[in-house]
Amino acid sequence: MSGGDIQGGRKHGEGALLRIGELAQRSGQSVHAIRWYETQGLMPNVARDAAGRRVYHARHLDWLQLMDRLRRTGMSIAEMREYTDLVRQGRSSLRQRKDLLLAHRVRAQATIAEWLQALELIDGKIAFYDEWIGTGQPPPMLPHEKAGPAALAAPAGAPQRRRARKA
């Protein structure tokens, strides 16, 4: 299985069937989290044995990792569900899946850029304190003043704050 896709049917080398406890242990997810993914419609092709217990394949490990990474990078549950539904549709949805992931990637990259900008400001503040501690005197400029006004600008697309008018 490539890219975390999980479709019906057995593929060569898929490996043994896993019970939920073993899947939890191997994936690092809790049993509760795995059941949650399933009840949210985010775990395709989960079979049940004759006793009604969930049975997973090794390919579910990759799928759980993909779902975890999508969630951690800010994909909404609704989008994750949409992606999962597209995977269930098979090959006919390849382009839609790719487009959905590309759009998510753009959003994730924008978030990373915002975080890098924030880290730059934090690093400046740390350097400010290092200088103050090292010399025993407060530095003549604040870190954001050294970086210039661009460091204080809101990230692109961020809502602008309005100043209250003086009466």
N, C-alpha and C. Protein backbone atom coordinates (compact mmCIF):
# COMPACT_ATOMS: atom_id res chain seq x y z
N MET A 1 0.86 -1.17 0.00
CA MET A 1 0.00 0.00 0.00
C MET A 1 0.90 1.22 0.00
N SER A 2 0.62 2.16 -0.84
CA SER A 2 1.43 3.37 -0.88
C SER A 2 0.60 4.56 -0.48
N GLY A 3 1.22 5.53 0.19
CA GLY A 3 0.54 6.76 0.54
C GLY A 3 -0.58 6.58 1.54
N GLY A 4 -0.61 5.45 2.24
CA GLY A 4 -1.62 5.27 3.26
C GLY A 4 -2.97 4.84 2.74
N ASP A 5 -3.08 4.48 1.45
CA ASP A 5 -4.37 4.05 0.93
C ASP A 5 -4.72 2.69 1.49
N ILE A 6 -5.99 2.51 1.73
CA ILE A 6 -6.48 1.28 2.32
C ILE A 6 -7.72 0.87 1.56
N GLN A 7 -7.61 -0.05 0.69
CA GLN A 7 -8.77 -0.44 -0.08
C GLN A 7 -9.03 -1.92 0.15
N GLY A 8 -10.22 -2.33 -0.21
CA GLY A 8 -10.61 -3.72 0.00
C GLY A 8 -9.75 -4.67 -0.81
N GLY A 9 -9.82 -5.92 -0.44
CA GLY A 9 -9.06 -6.93 -1.15
C GLY A 9 -7.69 -7.14 -0.53
N ARG A 10 -7.19 -8.34 -0.66
CA ARG A 10 -5.89 -8.65 -0.08
C ARG A 10 -4.82 -8.42 -1.13
N LYS A 11 -3.71 -7.92 -0.69
CA LYS A 11 -2.58 -7.72 -1.57
C LYS A 11 -1.46 -8.61 -1.08
N HIS A 12 -0.60 -8.99 -1.98
CA HIS A 12 0.52 -9.85 -1.64
C HIS A 12 1.36 -9.21 -0.53
N GLY A 13 1.68 -9.97 0.50
CA GLY A 13 2.56 -9.49 1.55
C GLY A 13 1.88 -8.61 2.60
N GLU A 14 0.56 -8.62 2.65
CA GLU A 14 -0.14 -7.76 3.62
C GLU A 14 0.12 -8.18 5.05
N GLY A 15 0.39 -9.46 5.27
CA GLY A 15 0.67 -9.89 6.62
C GLY A 15 -0.55 -10.41 7.34
N ALA A 16 -0.32 -10.73 8.60
CA ALA A 16 -1.34 -11.35 9.42
C ALA A 16 -2.41 -10.34 9.84
N LEU A 17 -3.51 -10.90 10.27
CA LEU A 17 -4.59 -10.08 10.81
C LEU A 17 -4.21 -9.64 12.22
N LEU A 18 -4.66 -8.45 12.59
CA LEU A 18 -4.33 -7.90 13.90
C LEU A 18 -5.61 -7.64 14.68
N ARG A 19 -5.58 -7.89 15.94
CA ARG A 19 -6.66 -7.48 16.85
C ARG A 19 -6.40 -6.04 17.24
N ILE A 20 -7.39 -5.39 17.80
CA ILE A 20 -7.27 -3.97 18.10
C ILE A 20 -6.15 -3.68 19.10
N GLY A 21 -5.94 -4.55 20.08
CA GLY A 21 -4.87 -4.33 21.05
C GLY A 21 -3.50 -4.36 20.40
N GLU A 22 -3.31 -5.30 19.49
CA GLU A 22 -2.03 -5.39 18.80
C GLU A 22 -1.84 -4.19 17.87
N LEU A 23 -2.90 -3.77 17.19
CA LEU A 23 -2.83 -2.58 16.34
C LEU A 23 -2.47 -1.36 17.18
N ALA A 24 -3.08 -1.25 18.35
CA ALA A 24 -2.78 -0.13 19.24
C ALA A 24 -1.32 -0.15 19.65
N GLN A 25 -0.84 -1.30 20.04
CA GLN A 25 0.55 -1.43 20.48
C GLN A 25 1.51 -1.08 19.34
N ARG A 26 1.26 -1.60 18.15
CA ARG A 26 2.17 -1.38 17.02
C ARG A 26 2.07 0.03 16.46
N SER A 27 0.91 0.66 16.59
CA SER A 27 0.73 2.00 16.01
C SER A 27 1.07 3.12 16.98
N GLY A 28 1.07 2.81 18.28
CA GLY A 28 1.27 3.86 19.27
C GLY A 28 -0.01 4.61 19.60
N GLN A 29 -1.12 4.23 19.00
CA GLN A 29 -2.43 4.83 19.28
C GLN A 29 -3.10 4.00 20.37
N SER A 30 -3.97 4.64 21.12
CA SER A 30 -4.72 3.88 22.12
C SER A 30 -5.86 3.13 21.46
N VAL A 31 -6.35 2.10 22.13
CA VAL A 31 -7.52 1.37 21.65
C VAL A 31 -8.69 2.34 21.48
N HIS A 32 -8.83 3.23 22.46
CA HIS A 32 -9.91 4.23 22.40
C HIS A 32 -9.78 5.09 21.14
N ALA A 33 -8.56 5.55 20.82
CA ALA A 33 -8.35 6.39 19.63
C ALA A 33 -8.68 5.63 18.36
N ILE A 34 -8.28 4.38 18.29
CA ILE A 34 -8.55 3.57 17.09
C ILE A 34 -10.06 3.41 16.91
N ARG A 35 -10.75 3.12 18.00
CA ARG A 35 -12.21 2.99 17.92
C ARG A 35 -12.84 4.33 17.52
N TRP A 36 -12.29 5.43 18.02
CA TRP A 36 -12.80 6.75 17.66
C TRP A 36 -12.64 6.99 16.16
N TYR A 37 -11.45 6.69 15.63
CA TYR A 37 -11.24 6.84 14.18
C TYR A 37 -12.27 6.02 13.41
N GLU A 38 -12.53 4.83 13.88
CA GLU A 38 -13.50 3.98 13.18
C GLU A 38 -14.91 4.54 13.27
N THR A 39 -15.35 4.99 14.45
CA THR A 39 -16.71 5.52 14.59
C THR A 39 -16.89 6.82 13.82
N GLN A 40 -15.79 7.54 13.57
CA GLN A 40 -15.85 8.78 12.80
C GLN A 40 -15.82 8.52 11.29
N GLY A 41 -15.75 7.26 10.90
CA GLY A 41 -15.71 6.92 9.48
C GLY A 41 -14.33 7.13 8.87
N LEU A 42 -13.30 7.07 9.69
CA LEU A 42 -11.94 7.34 9.23
C LEU A 42 -11.07 6.10 9.14
N MET A 43 -11.67 4.93 9.27
CA MET A 43 -10.92 3.67 9.17
C MET A 43 -11.64 2.75 8.19
N PRO A 44 -11.30 2.83 6.93
CA PRO A 44 -12.00 1.99 5.96
C PRO A 44 -11.60 0.52 6.06
N ASN A 45 -12.52 -0.31 5.63
CA ASN A 45 -12.27 -1.74 5.46
C ASN A 45 -11.84 -2.47 6.73
N VAL A 46 -12.51 -2.14 7.82
CA VAL A 46 -12.28 -2.89 9.05
C VAL A 46 -13.26 -4.06 9.04
N ALA A 47 -12.70 -5.24 9.05
CA ALA A 47 -13.53 -6.45 9.03
C ALA A 47 -13.83 -6.88 10.47
N ARG A 48 -14.75 -7.79 10.59
CA ARG A 48 -15.06 -8.39 11.89
C ARG A 48 -14.96 -9.90 11.74
N ASP A 49 -14.50 -10.54 12.79
CA ASP A 49 -14.43 -12.00 12.77
C ASP A 49 -15.79 -12.59 13.10
N ALA A 50 -15.87 -13.91 13.19
CA ALA A 50 -17.14 -14.59 13.44
C ALA A 50 -17.76 -14.19 14.77
N ALA A 51 -16.92 -13.77 15.73
CA ALA A 51 -17.41 -13.35 17.05
C ALA A 51 -17.75 -11.86 17.08
N GLY A 52 -17.59 -11.16 15.96
CA GLY A 52 -17.91 -9.74 15.89
C GLY A 52 -16.80 -8.81 16.33
N ARG A 53 -15.61 -9.37 16.57
CA ARG A 53 -14.48 -8.52 16.97
C ARG A 53 -13.81 -7.92 15.74
N ARG A 54 -13.33 -6.68 15.91
CA ARG A 54 -12.65 -6.00 14.82
C ARG A 54 -11.38 -6.75 14.45
N VAL A 55 -11.12 -6.79 13.14
CA VAL A 55 -9.91 -7.42 12.63
C VAL A 55 -9.25 -6.43 11.67
N TYR A 56 -7.99 -6.16 11.91
CA TYR A 56 -7.25 -5.18 11.12
C TYR A 56 -6.13 -5.87 10.35
N HIS A 57 -5.67 -5.19 9.33
CA HIS A 57 -4.53 -5.66 8.55
C HIS A 57 -3.34 -4.75 8.84
N ALA A 58 -2.17 -5.22 8.49
CA ALA A 58 -0.97 -4.41 8.69
C ALA A 58 -1.09 -3.07 7.96
N ARG A 59 -1.82 -3.01 6.87
CA ARG A 59 -1.96 -1.74 6.12
C ARG A 59 -2.69 -0.68 6.95
N HIS A 60 -3.44 -1.10 7.97
CA HIS A 60 -4.10 -0.13 8.84
C HIS A 60 -3.08 0.67 9.67
N LEU A 61 -1.89 0.11 9.88
CA LEU A 61 -0.84 0.86 10.59
C LEU A 61 -0.47 2.12 9.80
N ASP A 62 -0.26 1.96 8.49
CA ASP A 62 0.07 3.11 7.64
C ASP A 62 -1.09 4.10 7.61
N TRP A 63 -2.29 3.56 7.56
CA TRP A 63 -3.48 4.43 7.50
C TRP A 63 -3.60 5.27 8.77
N LEU A 64 -3.40 4.64 9.92
CA LEU A 64 -3.47 5.38 11.18
C LEU A 64 -2.40 6.47 11.23
N GLN A 65 -1.22 6.17 10.73
CA GLN A 65 -0.16 7.17 10.70
C GLN A 65 -0.56 8.35 9.81
N LEU A 66 -1.14 8.08 8.66
CA LEU A 66 -1.59 9.15 7.78
C LEU A 66 -2.67 9.99 8.45
N MET A 67 -3.66 9.35 9.05
CA MET A 67 -4.74 10.09 9.71
C MET A 67 -4.19 10.95 10.85
N ASP A 68 -3.24 10.40 11.60
CA ASP A 68 -2.63 11.16 12.70
C ASP A 68 -1.89 12.38 12.16
N ARG A 69 -1.15 12.21 11.08
CA ARG A 69 -0.39 13.34 10.51
C ARG A 69 -1.33 14.39 9.92
N LEU A 70 -2.39 13.96 9.28
CA LEU A 70 -3.35 14.92 8.73
C LEU A 70 -3.98 15.73 9.86
N ARG A 71 -4.36 15.05 10.94
CA ARG A 71 -4.96 15.73 12.08
C ARG A 71 -3.97 16.70 12.71
N ARG A 72 -2.73 16.26 12.91
CA ARG A 72 -1.71 17.11 13.53
C ARG A 72 -1.38 18.33 12.70
N THR A 73 -1.56 18.23 11.39
CA THR A 73 -1.27 19.37 10.52
C THR A 73 -2.50 20.21 10.25
N GLY A 74 -3.56 19.97 11.02
CA GLY A 74 -4.70 20.87 10.98
C GLY A 74 -5.83 20.50 10.05
N MET A 75 -5.81 19.32 9.46
CA MET A 75 -6.93 18.94 8.61
C MET A 75 -8.15 18.69 9.48
N SER A 76 -9.27 19.20 9.05
CA SER A 76 -10.50 19.02 9.82
C SER A 76 -10.97 17.57 9.72
N ILE A 77 -11.75 17.16 10.68
CA ILE A 77 -12.32 15.82 10.67
C ILE A 77 -13.19 15.64 9.42
N ALA A 78 -13.92 16.68 9.05
CA ALA A 78 -14.76 16.60 7.84
C ALA A 78 -13.90 16.33 6.61
N GLU A 79 -12.76 17.00 6.49
CA GLU A 79 -11.87 16.77 5.34
C GLU A 79 -11.25 15.38 5.40
N MET A 80 -10.90 14.94 6.60
CA MET A 80 -10.35 13.60 6.74
C MET A 80 -11.39 12.56 6.32
N ARG A 81 -12.63 12.81 6.70
CA ARG A 81 -13.72 11.92 6.32
C ARG A 81 -13.91 11.92 4.79
N GLU A 82 -13.84 13.12 4.21
CA GLU A 82 -13.96 13.23 2.74
C GLU A 82 -12.85 12.45 2.06
N TYR A 83 -11.62 12.60 2.55
CA TYR A 83 -10.49 11.86 1.98
C TYR A 83 -10.73 10.35 2.10
N THR A 84 -11.15 9.92 3.27
CA THR A 84 -11.41 8.50 3.49
C THR A 84 -12.49 8.00 2.54
N ASP A 85 -13.55 8.78 2.36
CA ASP A 85 -14.62 8.40 1.43
C ASP A 85 -14.09 8.30 0.00
N LEU A 86 -13.20 9.21 -0.37
CA LEU A 86 -12.61 9.17 -1.70
C LEU A 86 -11.77 7.90 -1.88
N VAL A 87 -11.03 7.52 -0.85
CA VAL A 87 -10.23 6.29 -0.92
C VAL A 87 -11.15 5.09 -1.12
N ARG A 88 -12.28 5.09 -0.43
CA ARG A 88 -13.23 3.98 -0.59
C ARG A 88 -13.75 3.86 -2.02
N GLN A 89 -13.76 4.97 -2.75
CA GLN A 89 -14.25 4.96 -4.13
C GLN A 89 -13.28 4.30 -5.10
N GLY A 90 -12.04 4.13 -4.68
CA GLY A 90 -11.06 3.46 -5.54
C GLY A 90 -10.38 4.41 -6.52
N ARG A 91 -9.89 3.82 -7.59
CA ARG A 91 -9.07 4.56 -8.57
C ARG A 91 -9.77 5.77 -9.18
N SER A 92 -11.06 5.73 -9.26
CA SER A 92 -11.79 6.83 -9.91
C SER A 92 -11.62 8.16 -9.17
N SER A 93 -11.16 8.12 -7.93
CA SER A 93 -11.03 9.34 -7.15
C SER A 93 -9.57 9.77 -6.94
N LEU A 94 -8.65 9.21 -7.69
CA LEU A 94 -7.24 9.53 -7.48
C LEU A 94 -6.96 11.03 -7.59
N ARG A 95 -7.47 11.67 -8.62
CA ARG A 95 -7.22 13.10 -8.82
C ARG A 95 -7.82 13.92 -7.68
N GLN A 96 -9.03 13.56 -7.25
CA GLN A 96 -9.67 14.29 -6.15
C GLN A 96 -8.87 14.14 -4.85
N ARG A 97 -8.36 12.95 -4.61
CA ARG A 97 -7.54 12.73 -3.41
C ARG A 97 -6.29 13.57 -3.46
N LYS A 98 -5.64 13.56 -4.63
CA LYS A 98 -4.43 14.35 -4.80
C LYS A 98 -4.73 15.83 -4.58
N ASP A 99 -5.80 16.33 -5.17
CA ASP A 99 -6.16 17.75 -5.03
C ASP A 99 -6.45 18.12 -3.57
N LEU A 100 -7.14 17.23 -2.86
CA LEU A 100 -7.44 17.49 -1.47
C LEU A 100 -6.15 17.58 -0.64
N LEU A 101 -5.22 16.66 -0.90
CA LEU A 101 -3.96 16.67 -0.16
C LEU A 101 -3.09 17.87 -0.55
N LEU A 102 -3.12 18.25 -1.82
CA LEU A 102 -2.36 19.43 -2.25
C LEU A 102 -2.87 20.69 -1.55
N ALA A 103 -4.19 20.84 -1.47
CA ALA A 103 -4.76 22.01 -0.79
C ALA A 103 -4.39 22.01 0.69
N HIS A 104 -4.41 20.84 1.31
CA HIS A 104 -4.02 20.74 2.71
C HIS A 104 -2.54 21.08 2.89
N ARG A 105 -1.73 20.63 1.96
CA ARG A 105 -0.30 20.91 2.02
C ARG A 105 -0.03 22.42 1.98
N VAL A 106 -0.75 23.12 1.13
CA VAL A 106 -0.59 24.58 1.04
C VAL A 106 -0.92 25.23 2.38
N ARG A 107 -2.02 24.78 3.00
CA ARG A 107 -2.39 25.33 4.31
C ARG A 107 -1.34 25.01 5.36
N ALA A 108 -0.82 23.78 5.33
CA ALA A 108 0.20 23.38 6.30
C ALA A 108 1.47 24.21 6.11
N GLN A 109 1.86 24.45 4.87
CA GLN A 109 3.04 25.27 4.61
C GLN A 109 2.84 26.70 5.11
N ALA A 110 1.66 27.25 4.96
CA ALA A 110 1.37 28.60 5.46
C ALA A 110 1.48 28.63 6.98
N THR A 111 0.98 27.60 7.63
CA THR A 111 1.08 27.53 9.09
C THR A 111 2.54 27.44 9.53
N ILE A 112 3.32 26.64 8.83
CA ILE A 112 4.74 26.51 9.15
C ILE A 112 5.43 27.86 9.00
N ALA A 113 5.11 28.60 7.94
CA ALA A 113 5.71 29.92 7.73
C ALA A 113 5.36 30.86 8.88
N GLU A 114 4.11 30.82 9.33
CA GLU A 114 3.69 31.66 10.47
C GLU A 114 4.45 31.27 11.72
N TRP A 115 4.62 29.97 11.95
CA TRP A 115 5.33 29.50 13.14
C TRP A 115 6.80 29.89 13.07
N LEU A 116 7.40 29.82 11.88
CA LEU A 116 8.80 30.22 11.74
C LEU A 116 8.97 31.70 12.05
N GLN A 117 8.01 32.50 11.61
CA GLN A 117 8.05 33.93 11.91
C GLN A 117 7.93 34.15 13.43
N ALA A 118 7.05 33.41 14.06
CA ALA A 118 6.90 33.51 15.51
C ALA A 118 8.17 33.07 16.22
N LEU A 119 8.79 32.00 15.76
CA LEU A 119 10.04 31.53 16.37
C LEU A 119 11.16 32.56 16.23
N GLU A 120 11.17 33.25 15.10
CA GLU A 120 12.17 34.29 14.89
C GLU A 120 12.04 35.38 15.96
N LEU A 121 10.82 35.77 16.24
CA LEU A 121 10.59 36.79 17.27
C LEU A 121 10.97 36.26 18.66
N ILE A 122 10.62 35.01 18.93
CA ILE A 122 10.98 34.39 20.21
C ILE A 122 12.50 34.30 20.35
N ASP A 123 13.19 33.90 19.27
CA ASP A 123 14.65 33.83 19.30
C ASP A 123 15.26 35.20 19.58
N GLY A 124 14.65 36.23 19.01
CA GLY A 124 15.13 37.58 19.28
C GLY A 124 14.98 37.95 20.74
N LYS A 125 13.87 37.56 21.32
CA LYS A 125 13.63 37.85 22.74
C LYS A 125 14.62 37.08 23.62
N ILE A 126 14.91 35.85 23.26
CA ILE A 126 15.90 35.04 24.00
C ILE A 126 17.27 35.70 23.91
N ALA A 127 17.63 36.17 22.72
CA ALA A 127 18.92 36.85 22.54
C ALA A 127 18.97 38.13 23.37
N PHE A 128 17.84 38.83 23.45
CA PHE A 128 17.73 40.03 24.27
C PHE A 128 18.07 39.70 25.72
N TYR A 129 17.46 38.63 26.25
CA TYR A 129 17.73 38.24 27.63
C TYR A 129 19.16 37.74 27.81
N ASP A 130 19.68 37.02 26.82
CA ASP A 130 21.07 36.57 26.90
C ASP A 130 22.01 37.76 27.05
N GLU A 131 21.77 38.79 26.23
CA GLU A 131 22.62 39.98 26.29
C GLU A 131 22.48 40.67 27.65
N TRP A 132 21.27 40.80 28.12
CA TRP A 132 21.01 41.46 29.40
C TRP A 132 21.69 40.70 30.54
N ILE A 133 21.52 39.38 30.53
CA ILE A 133 22.14 38.54 31.58
C ILE A 133 23.66 38.62 31.48
N GLY A 134 24.19 38.60 30.26
CA GLY A 134 25.63 38.62 30.05
C GLY A 134 26.29 39.93 30.46
N THR A 135 25.61 41.05 30.22
CA THR A 135 26.22 42.35 30.51
C THR A 135 25.74 42.94 31.83
N GLY A 136 24.64 42.44 32.33
CA GLY A 136 24.07 43.00 33.54
C GLY A 136 23.27 44.27 33.29
N GLN A 137 23.16 44.67 32.03
CA GLN A 137 22.44 45.88 31.65
C GLN A 137 21.42 45.55 30.57
N PRO A 138 20.27 46.20 30.61
CA PRO A 138 19.32 45.94 29.52
C PRO A 138 19.88 46.44 28.20
N PRO A 139 19.71 45.68 27.15
CA PRO A 139 20.17 46.11 25.83
C PRO A 139 19.47 47.40 25.42
N PRO A 140 20.14 48.19 24.59
CA PRO A 140 19.56 49.47 24.20
C PRO A 140 18.30 49.34 23.35
N MET A 141 18.11 48.24 22.64
CA MET A 141 16.93 48.09 21.78
C MET A 141 16.22 46.79 22.12
N LEU A 142 14.93 46.80 21.96
CA LEU A 142 14.15 45.58 22.11
C LEU A 142 14.34 44.73 20.85
N PRO A 143 14.23 43.41 20.97
CA PRO A 143 14.47 42.54 19.81
C PRO A 143 13.62 42.88 18.60
N HIS A 144 12.35 43.20 18.81
CA HIS A 144 11.49 43.47 17.65
C HIS A 144 11.85 44.79 16.99
N GLU A 145 12.50 45.71 17.73
CA GLU A 145 12.96 46.96 17.14
C GLU A 145 14.16 46.70 16.24
N LYS A 146 15.00 45.76 16.63
CA LYS A 146 16.16 45.40 15.79
C LYS A 146 15.70 44.74 14.50
N ALA A 147 14.63 43.95 14.58
CA ALA A 147 14.15 43.21 13.42
C ALA A 147 13.41 44.12 12.45
N GLY A 148 12.94 45.25 12.91
CA GLY A 148 12.23 46.17 12.04
C GLY A 148 10.74 45.91 12.07
N PRO A 149 9.97 46.79 11.43
CA PRO A 149 8.51 46.69 11.48
C PRO A 149 7.95 45.44 10.82
N ALA A 150 8.67 44.85 9.88
CA ALA A 150 8.16 43.65 9.20
C ALA A 150 7.97 42.50 10.17
N ALA A 151 8.78 42.44 11.23
CA ALA A 151 8.66 41.35 12.20
C ALA A 151 7.37 41.45 13.00
N LEU A 152 6.81 42.63 13.07
CA LEU A 152 5.57 42.82 13.82
C LEU A 152 4.33 42.72 12.96
N ALA A 153 4.51 42.68 11.65
CA ALA A 153 3.36 42.65 10.75
C ALA A 153 2.60 41.34 10.92
N ALA A 154 1.30 41.44 10.76
CA ALA A 154 0.45 40.24 10.83
C ALA A 154 0.74 39.38 9.61
N PRO A 155 0.71 38.06 9.75
CA PRO A 155 0.92 37.18 8.61
C PRO A 155 -0.14 37.43 7.55
N ALA A 156 0.23 37.13 6.31
CA ALA A 156 -0.71 37.32 5.20
C ALA A 156 -1.99 36.55 5.47
N GLY A 157 -3.10 37.19 5.25
CA GLY A 157 -4.40 36.55 5.44
C GLY A 157 -4.92 36.62 6.85
N ALA A 158 -4.11 37.14 7.78
CA ALA A 158 -4.57 37.24 9.17
C ALA A 158 -5.52 38.43 9.30
N PRO A 159 -6.52 38.32 10.15
CA PRO A 159 -7.44 39.44 10.32
C PRO A 159 -6.72 40.64 10.92
N GLN A 160 -7.04 41.80 10.43
CA GLN A 160 -6.42 43.03 10.91
C GLN A 160 -7.22 43.57 12.09
N ARG A 161 -6.52 44.04 13.10
CA ARG A 161 -7.16 44.64 14.26
C ARG A 161 -7.39 46.12 13.98
N ARG A 162 -8.52 46.60 14.39
CA ARG A 162 -8.81 48.02 14.24
C ARG A 162 -8.57 48.73 15.56
N ARG A 163 -8.03 49.91 15.46
CA ARG A 163 -7.82 50.71 16.66
C ARG A 163 -9.10 51.45 16.98
N ALA A 164 -9.36 51.56 18.25
CA ALA A 164 -10.54 52.32 18.69
C ALA A 164 -10.28 53.80 18.46
N ARG A 165 -11.27 54.50 17.98
CA ARG A 165 -11.12 55.94 17.75
C ARG A 165 -11.23 56.68 19.08
N LYS A 166 -10.41 57.70 19.17
CA LYS A 166 -10.47 58.53 20.37
C LYS A 166 -11.61 59.51 20.24
N ALA A 167 -12.36 59.66 21.29
CA ALA A 167 -13.52 60.55 21.25
C ALA A 167 -13.13 61.97 21.59
